[in-house]
Amino acid sequence: MKSLADLGGLVYSTDAGRMCPGCRQPVAQCTCKQARPLPAGDGIVRVSRETKGRGGKAVTLVKGVPLAGEALEQLGKQLKAACGSGGTVKDGVIEVQGDHVERLMAALQKLGHKVKRAGG
């Protein structure tokens, strides 16, 4: 069984507020997110549709975007607005609710990305 020290330590301080478990700094001064390099890839953005593990609901995935952090969040927000649906950004992958493969491919091509359809 893991001890409390192995789980990350301090989460909240009354002096600084929320603390980052990785670098143990206040979230506003966190250095963990800045240290992450851009994802390495072949420069091609891949768009696919997935239903596995989602109760039969379709989700469109956008992988391989050469952006990180806040820029990727902003692109995800633009793509969700273009489709008129919700979604999220997790681990460098943009997830948009619904089957919007063609619409997302056109939007990404307008933004100057090299786009391919992945999957079936």
N, C-alpha and C. Protein backbone atom coordinates (compact mmCIF):
# COMPACT_ATOMS: atom_id res chain seq x y z
N MET A 1 0.83 -1.17 0.00
CA MET A 1 0.00 0.00 0.00
C MET A 1 0.88 1.24 0.00
N LYS A 2 0.51 2.26 -0.76
CA LYS A 2 1.30 3.47 -0.88
C LYS A 2 1.12 4.36 0.35
N SER A 3 2.21 5.01 0.72
CA SER A 3 2.11 5.96 1.82
C SER A 3 1.65 7.31 1.28
N LEU A 4 1.30 8.22 2.15
CA LEU A 4 0.85 9.54 1.73
C LEU A 4 1.95 10.30 1.01
N ALA A 5 3.19 10.09 1.36
CA ALA A 5 4.30 10.78 0.71
C ALA A 5 4.45 10.34 -0.75
N ASP A 6 4.12 9.07 -1.04
CA ASP A 6 4.22 8.57 -2.41
C ASP A 6 3.11 9.10 -3.31
N LEU A 7 2.03 9.57 -2.73
CA LEU A 7 0.89 10.05 -3.52
C LEU A 7 1.06 11.48 -4.01
N GLY A 8 2.11 12.18 -3.65
CA GLY A 8 2.32 13.52 -4.18
C GLY A 8 2.49 14.59 -3.14
N GLY A 9 2.14 14.32 -1.91
CA GLY A 9 2.39 15.28 -0.85
C GLY A 9 1.36 16.38 -0.79
N LEU A 10 1.82 17.59 -0.58
CA LEU A 10 0.99 18.76 -0.35
C LEU A 10 0.12 19.09 -1.56
N VAL A 11 -1.17 19.29 -1.35
CA VAL A 11 -2.10 19.62 -2.41
C VAL A 11 -2.57 21.06 -2.30
N TYR A 12 -2.73 21.56 -1.06
CA TYR A 12 -3.24 22.90 -0.85
C TYR A 12 -2.51 23.54 0.32
N SER A 13 -2.16 24.79 0.14
CA SER A 13 -1.51 25.54 1.21
C SER A 13 -2.33 26.80 1.46
N THR A 14 -2.52 27.15 2.72
CA THR A 14 -3.29 28.37 3.01
C THR A 14 -2.52 29.61 2.60
N ASP A 15 -1.21 29.51 2.44
CA ASP A 15 -0.41 30.66 2.00
C ASP A 15 -0.51 30.88 0.50
N ALA A 16 -0.37 29.81 -0.29
CA ALA A 16 -0.27 29.95 -1.74
C ALA A 16 -1.46 29.38 -2.50
N GLY A 17 -2.37 28.65 -1.86
CA GLY A 17 -3.50 28.05 -2.57
C GLY A 17 -3.15 26.67 -3.08
N ARG A 18 -3.63 26.31 -4.28
CA ARG A 18 -3.41 24.98 -4.84
C ARG A 18 -1.94 24.80 -5.20
N MET A 19 -1.43 23.61 -4.93
CA MET A 19 -0.03 23.28 -5.18
C MET A 19 0.06 22.20 -6.26
N CYS A 20 1.07 22.29 -7.09
CA CYS A 20 1.32 21.27 -8.12
C CYS A 20 1.97 20.06 -7.46
N PRO A 21 1.44 18.84 -7.68
CA PRO A 21 2.06 17.67 -7.05
C PRO A 21 3.39 17.29 -7.69
N GLY A 22 3.64 17.72 -8.91
CA GLY A 22 4.89 17.36 -9.59
C GLY A 22 6.09 18.15 -9.11
N CYS A 23 5.99 19.48 -9.14
CA CYS A 23 7.13 20.32 -8.76
C CYS A 23 6.96 20.94 -7.38
N ARG A 24 5.81 20.72 -6.74
CA ARG A 24 5.51 21.20 -5.40
C ARG A 24 5.61 22.72 -5.28
N GLN A 25 5.25 23.41 -6.36
CA GLN A 25 5.17 24.87 -6.39
C GLN A 25 3.71 25.27 -6.47
N PRO A 26 3.38 26.53 -6.14
CA PRO A 26 2.00 26.98 -6.37
C PRO A 26 1.65 26.84 -7.84
N VAL A 27 0.39 26.55 -8.15
CA VAL A 27 -0.04 26.30 -9.52
C VAL A 27 0.31 27.47 -10.44
N ALA A 28 0.23 28.70 -9.94
CA ALA A 28 0.56 29.87 -10.76
C ALA A 28 2.04 29.89 -11.15
N GLN A 29 2.90 29.28 -10.36
CA GLN A 29 4.34 29.28 -10.63
C GLN A 29 4.85 27.89 -11.03
N CYS A 30 3.97 27.02 -11.43
CA CYS A 30 4.32 25.64 -11.77
C CYS A 30 5.28 25.61 -12.95
N THR A 31 6.31 24.79 -12.84
CA THR A 31 7.28 24.64 -13.93
C THR A 31 7.11 23.33 -14.68
N CYS A 32 6.23 22.46 -14.23
CA CYS A 32 6.03 21.16 -14.88
C CYS A 32 5.50 21.32 -16.31
N LYS A 33 4.49 22.16 -16.49
CA LYS A 33 3.86 22.30 -17.80
C LYS A 33 4.78 23.00 -18.79
N GLN A 34 5.64 23.88 -18.31
CA GLN A 34 6.58 24.58 -19.19
C GLN A 34 7.68 23.66 -19.66
N ALA A 35 8.03 22.65 -18.87
CA ALA A 35 9.14 21.77 -19.19
C ALA A 35 8.79 20.75 -20.27
N ARG A 36 7.51 20.54 -20.55
CA ARG A 36 7.11 19.56 -21.55
C ARG A 36 7.47 20.03 -22.95
N PRO A 37 8.17 19.20 -23.72
CA PRO A 37 8.52 19.58 -25.08
C PRO A 37 7.32 19.40 -26.02
N LEU A 38 7.43 19.98 -27.21
CA LEU A 38 6.39 19.78 -28.21
C LEU A 38 6.34 18.31 -28.60
N PRO A 39 5.16 17.78 -28.86
CA PRO A 39 5.07 16.38 -29.23
C PRO A 39 5.77 16.14 -30.56
N ALA A 40 6.60 15.11 -30.61
CA ALA A 40 7.32 14.78 -31.83
C ALA A 40 6.39 13.98 -32.74
N GLY A 41 6.36 14.33 -33.98
CA GLY A 41 5.51 13.62 -34.93
C GLY A 41 6.01 13.82 -36.34
N ASP A 42 5.24 13.34 -37.29
CA ASP A 42 5.65 13.46 -38.68
C ASP A 42 5.05 14.68 -39.36
N GLY A 43 4.36 15.54 -38.61
CA GLY A 43 3.81 16.76 -39.17
C GLY A 43 2.44 16.59 -39.81
N ILE A 44 1.88 15.40 -39.70
CA ILE A 44 0.56 15.14 -40.28
C ILE A 44 -0.46 15.01 -39.16
N VAL A 45 -1.54 15.76 -39.27
CA VAL A 45 -2.63 15.69 -38.29
C VAL A 45 -3.59 14.59 -38.74
N ARG A 46 -3.89 13.68 -37.83
CA ARG A 46 -4.77 12.57 -38.17
C ARG A 46 -6.11 12.73 -37.46
N VAL A 47 -7.19 12.60 -38.24
CA VAL A 47 -8.55 12.75 -37.73
C VAL A 47 -9.25 11.41 -37.86
N SER A 48 -9.84 10.93 -36.75
CA SER A 48 -10.52 9.65 -36.78
C SER A 48 -11.80 9.71 -35.95
N ARG A 49 -12.65 8.70 -36.15
CA ARG A 49 -13.89 8.58 -35.40
C ARG A 49 -13.81 7.34 -34.54
N GLU A 50 -14.28 7.45 -33.29
CA GLU A 50 -14.18 6.33 -32.36
C GLU A 50 -15.47 6.20 -31.56
N THR A 51 -15.89 4.94 -31.33
CA THR A 51 -17.06 4.70 -30.48
C THR A 51 -16.71 3.76 -29.34
N LYS A 52 -15.54 3.17 -29.37
CA LYS A 52 -15.14 2.15 -28.40
C LYS A 52 -15.10 2.71 -26.97
N GLY A 53 -15.79 2.04 -26.06
CA GLY A 53 -15.76 2.42 -24.65
C GLY A 53 -16.54 3.68 -24.33
N ARG A 54 -17.42 4.10 -25.23
CA ARG A 54 -18.18 5.34 -25.03
C ARG A 54 -19.68 5.11 -25.09
N GLY A 55 -20.09 3.90 -24.86
CA GLY A 55 -21.51 3.59 -24.85
C GLY A 55 -22.17 3.74 -26.21
N GLY A 56 -21.43 3.51 -27.28
CA GLY A 56 -21.98 3.62 -28.63
C GLY A 56 -22.00 5.02 -29.18
N LYS A 57 -21.62 6.02 -28.40
CA LYS A 57 -21.60 7.41 -28.87
C LYS A 57 -20.33 7.65 -29.68
N ALA A 58 -20.45 8.36 -30.78
CA ALA A 58 -19.30 8.65 -31.64
C ALA A 58 -18.55 9.87 -31.12
N VAL A 59 -17.23 9.80 -31.19
CA VAL A 59 -16.35 10.90 -30.82
C VAL A 59 -15.31 11.03 -31.91
N THR A 60 -15.05 12.26 -32.35
CA THR A 60 -14.03 12.51 -33.37
C THR A 60 -12.74 12.89 -32.67
N LEU A 61 -11.64 12.20 -33.01
CA LEU A 61 -10.35 12.43 -32.39
C LEU A 61 -9.41 13.13 -33.37
N VAL A 62 -8.67 14.11 -32.89
CA VAL A 62 -7.67 14.81 -33.69
C VAL A 62 -6.33 14.60 -33.01
N LYS A 63 -5.43 13.86 -33.68
CA LYS A 63 -4.13 13.52 -33.10
C LYS A 63 -3.00 14.07 -33.97
N GLY A 64 -1.86 14.30 -33.33
CA GLY A 64 -0.66 14.71 -34.07
C GLY A 64 -0.56 16.19 -34.36
N VAL A 65 -1.32 17.02 -33.67
CA VAL A 65 -1.25 18.46 -33.88
C VAL A 65 0.06 18.96 -33.24
N PRO A 66 0.90 19.66 -34.00
CA PRO A 66 2.20 20.10 -33.47
C PRO A 66 2.09 21.34 -32.58
N LEU A 67 1.19 21.32 -31.63
CA LEU A 67 1.01 22.40 -30.67
C LEU A 67 1.03 21.81 -29.27
N ALA A 68 1.28 22.65 -28.29
CA ALA A 68 1.29 22.16 -26.91
C ALA A 68 0.61 23.18 -26.01
N GLY A 69 0.11 22.69 -24.90
CA GLY A 69 -0.42 23.54 -23.85
C GLY A 69 -1.59 24.41 -24.26
N GLU A 70 -1.44 25.71 -24.03
CA GLU A 70 -2.51 26.67 -24.24
C GLU A 70 -2.91 26.78 -25.71
N ALA A 71 -1.95 26.65 -26.63
CA ALA A 71 -2.26 26.74 -28.06
C ALA A 71 -3.14 25.57 -28.50
N LEU A 72 -2.88 24.39 -27.94
CA LEU A 72 -3.70 23.22 -28.27
C LEU A 72 -5.11 23.39 -27.70
N GLU A 73 -5.21 23.92 -26.50
CA GLU A 73 -6.52 24.20 -25.90
C GLU A 73 -7.32 25.17 -26.77
N GLN A 74 -6.64 26.21 -27.27
CA GLN A 74 -7.30 27.22 -28.10
C GLN A 74 -7.78 26.62 -29.42
N LEU A 75 -6.94 25.76 -30.04
CA LEU A 75 -7.35 25.09 -31.28
C LEU A 75 -8.54 24.18 -31.02
N GLY A 76 -8.53 23.46 -29.90
CA GLY A 76 -9.66 22.60 -29.54
C GLY A 76 -10.93 23.41 -29.40
N LYS A 77 -10.83 24.58 -28.80
CA LYS A 77 -12.00 25.46 -28.63
C LYS A 77 -12.54 25.91 -29.99
N GLN A 78 -11.64 26.26 -30.92
CA GLN A 78 -12.05 26.67 -32.27
C GLN A 78 -12.75 25.53 -33.00
N LEU A 79 -12.18 24.33 -32.91
CA LEU A 79 -12.76 23.19 -33.61
C LEU A 79 -14.13 22.80 -33.04
N LYS A 80 -14.27 22.86 -31.73
CA LYS A 80 -15.56 22.56 -31.12
C LYS A 80 -16.61 23.59 -31.54
N ALA A 81 -16.21 24.85 -31.63
CA ALA A 81 -17.14 25.90 -32.06
C ALA A 81 -17.53 25.71 -33.52
N ALA A 82 -16.58 25.28 -34.36
CA ALA A 82 -16.87 25.06 -35.78
C ALA A 82 -17.89 23.93 -35.96
N CYS A 83 -17.88 22.95 -35.06
CA CYS A 83 -18.81 21.83 -35.15
C CYS A 83 -20.08 22.07 -34.35
N GLY A 84 -20.07 23.04 -33.48
CA GLY A 84 -21.25 23.30 -32.65
C GLY A 84 -21.50 22.21 -31.63
N SER A 85 -20.43 21.65 -31.10
CA SER A 85 -20.59 20.59 -30.11
C SER A 85 -19.52 20.70 -29.04
N GLY A 86 -19.61 19.86 -28.04
CA GLY A 86 -18.67 19.88 -26.93
C GLY A 86 -17.49 18.99 -27.19
N GLY A 87 -16.61 18.93 -26.21
CA GLY A 87 -15.44 18.08 -26.32
C GLY A 87 -14.41 18.46 -25.29
N THR A 88 -13.19 17.92 -25.47
CA THR A 88 -12.12 18.18 -24.51
C THR A 88 -10.77 17.98 -25.19
N VAL A 89 -9.72 18.36 -24.46
CA VAL A 89 -8.35 18.11 -24.89
C VAL A 89 -7.69 17.29 -23.79
N LYS A 90 -7.26 16.06 -24.14
CA LYS A 90 -6.62 15.16 -23.17
C LYS A 90 -5.35 14.61 -23.77
N ASP A 91 -4.24 14.74 -23.07
CA ASP A 91 -2.97 14.14 -23.46
C ASP A 91 -2.58 14.44 -24.91
N GLY A 92 -2.78 15.66 -25.36
CA GLY A 92 -2.39 16.06 -26.71
C GLY A 92 -3.36 15.63 -27.79
N VAL A 93 -4.52 15.09 -27.41
CA VAL A 93 -5.54 14.65 -28.36
C VAL A 93 -6.79 15.49 -28.15
N ILE A 94 -7.30 16.06 -29.25
CA ILE A 94 -8.54 16.83 -29.18
C ILE A 94 -9.69 15.88 -29.45
N GLU A 95 -10.65 15.85 -28.53
CA GLU A 95 -11.84 15.01 -28.68
C GLU A 95 -13.04 15.91 -28.87
N VAL A 96 -13.79 15.70 -29.97
CA VAL A 96 -15.00 16.47 -30.25
C VAL A 96 -16.17 15.49 -30.28
N GLN A 97 -17.22 15.80 -29.54
CA GLN A 97 -18.37 14.91 -29.45
C GLN A 97 -19.11 14.88 -30.79
N GLY A 98 -19.41 13.67 -31.24
CA GLY A 98 -20.15 13.50 -32.49
C GLY A 98 -19.25 13.10 -33.64
N ASP A 99 -19.86 12.80 -34.77
CA ASP A 99 -19.14 12.38 -35.97
C ASP A 99 -18.94 13.60 -36.87
N HIS A 100 -17.79 14.26 -36.73
CA HIS A 100 -17.50 15.50 -37.47
C HIS A 100 -16.18 15.40 -38.23
N VAL A 101 -15.84 14.22 -38.75
CA VAL A 101 -14.54 14.01 -39.38
C VAL A 101 -14.34 14.95 -40.56
N GLU A 102 -15.28 15.00 -41.49
CA GLU A 102 -15.13 15.82 -42.69
C GLU A 102 -15.05 17.31 -42.35
N ARG A 103 -15.88 17.74 -41.43
CA ARG A 103 -15.91 19.15 -41.04
C ARG A 103 -14.59 19.57 -40.37
N LEU A 104 -14.06 18.69 -39.52
CA LEU A 104 -12.80 19.00 -38.85
C LEU A 104 -11.62 18.98 -39.81
N MET A 105 -11.65 18.06 -40.76
CA MET A 105 -10.58 18.01 -41.76
C MET A 105 -10.54 19.29 -42.58
N ALA A 106 -11.71 19.78 -42.97
CA ALA A 106 -11.78 21.03 -43.75
C ALA A 106 -11.30 22.22 -42.90
N ALA A 107 -11.68 22.26 -41.64
CA ALA A 107 -11.27 23.37 -40.77
C ALA A 107 -9.76 23.36 -40.53
N LEU A 108 -9.19 22.19 -40.35
CA LEU A 108 -7.75 22.09 -40.11
C LEU A 108 -6.95 22.43 -41.37
N GLN A 109 -7.48 22.06 -42.55
CA GLN A 109 -6.80 22.41 -43.80
C GLN A 109 -6.81 23.91 -44.01
N LYS A 110 -7.90 24.58 -43.64
CA LYS A 110 -7.97 26.04 -43.74
C LYS A 110 -6.93 26.71 -42.85
N LEU A 111 -6.62 26.07 -41.72
CA LEU A 111 -5.63 26.61 -40.79
C LEU A 111 -4.20 26.28 -41.23
N GLY A 112 -4.04 25.54 -42.32
CA GLY A 112 -2.72 25.27 -42.87
C GLY A 112 -2.06 23.98 -42.40
N HIS A 113 -2.83 23.07 -41.82
CA HIS A 113 -2.27 21.80 -41.37
C HIS A 113 -2.39 20.76 -42.47
N LYS A 114 -1.46 19.81 -42.50
CA LYS A 114 -1.52 18.66 -43.39
C LYS A 114 -2.40 17.62 -42.70
N VAL A 115 -3.51 17.24 -43.31
CA VAL A 115 -4.51 16.42 -42.62
C VAL A 115 -4.73 15.11 -43.38
N LYS A 116 -4.85 14.01 -42.61
CA LYS A 116 -5.23 12.71 -43.16
C LYS A 116 -6.33 12.12 -42.32
N ARG A 117 -7.18 11.34 -42.96
CA ARG A 117 -8.21 10.60 -42.23
C ARG A 117 -7.60 9.30 -41.76
N ALA A 118 -7.77 8.98 -40.50
CA ALA A 118 -7.23 7.75 -39.94
C ALA A 118 -8.39 6.82 -39.60
N GLY A 119 -8.12 5.54 -39.60
CA GLY A 119 -9.16 4.57 -39.28
C GLY A 119 -10.01 4.24 -40.49
N GLY A 120 -11.16 3.57 -40.23
CA GLY A 120 -12.01 3.11 -41.30
C GLY A 120 -12.91 4.08 -41.82
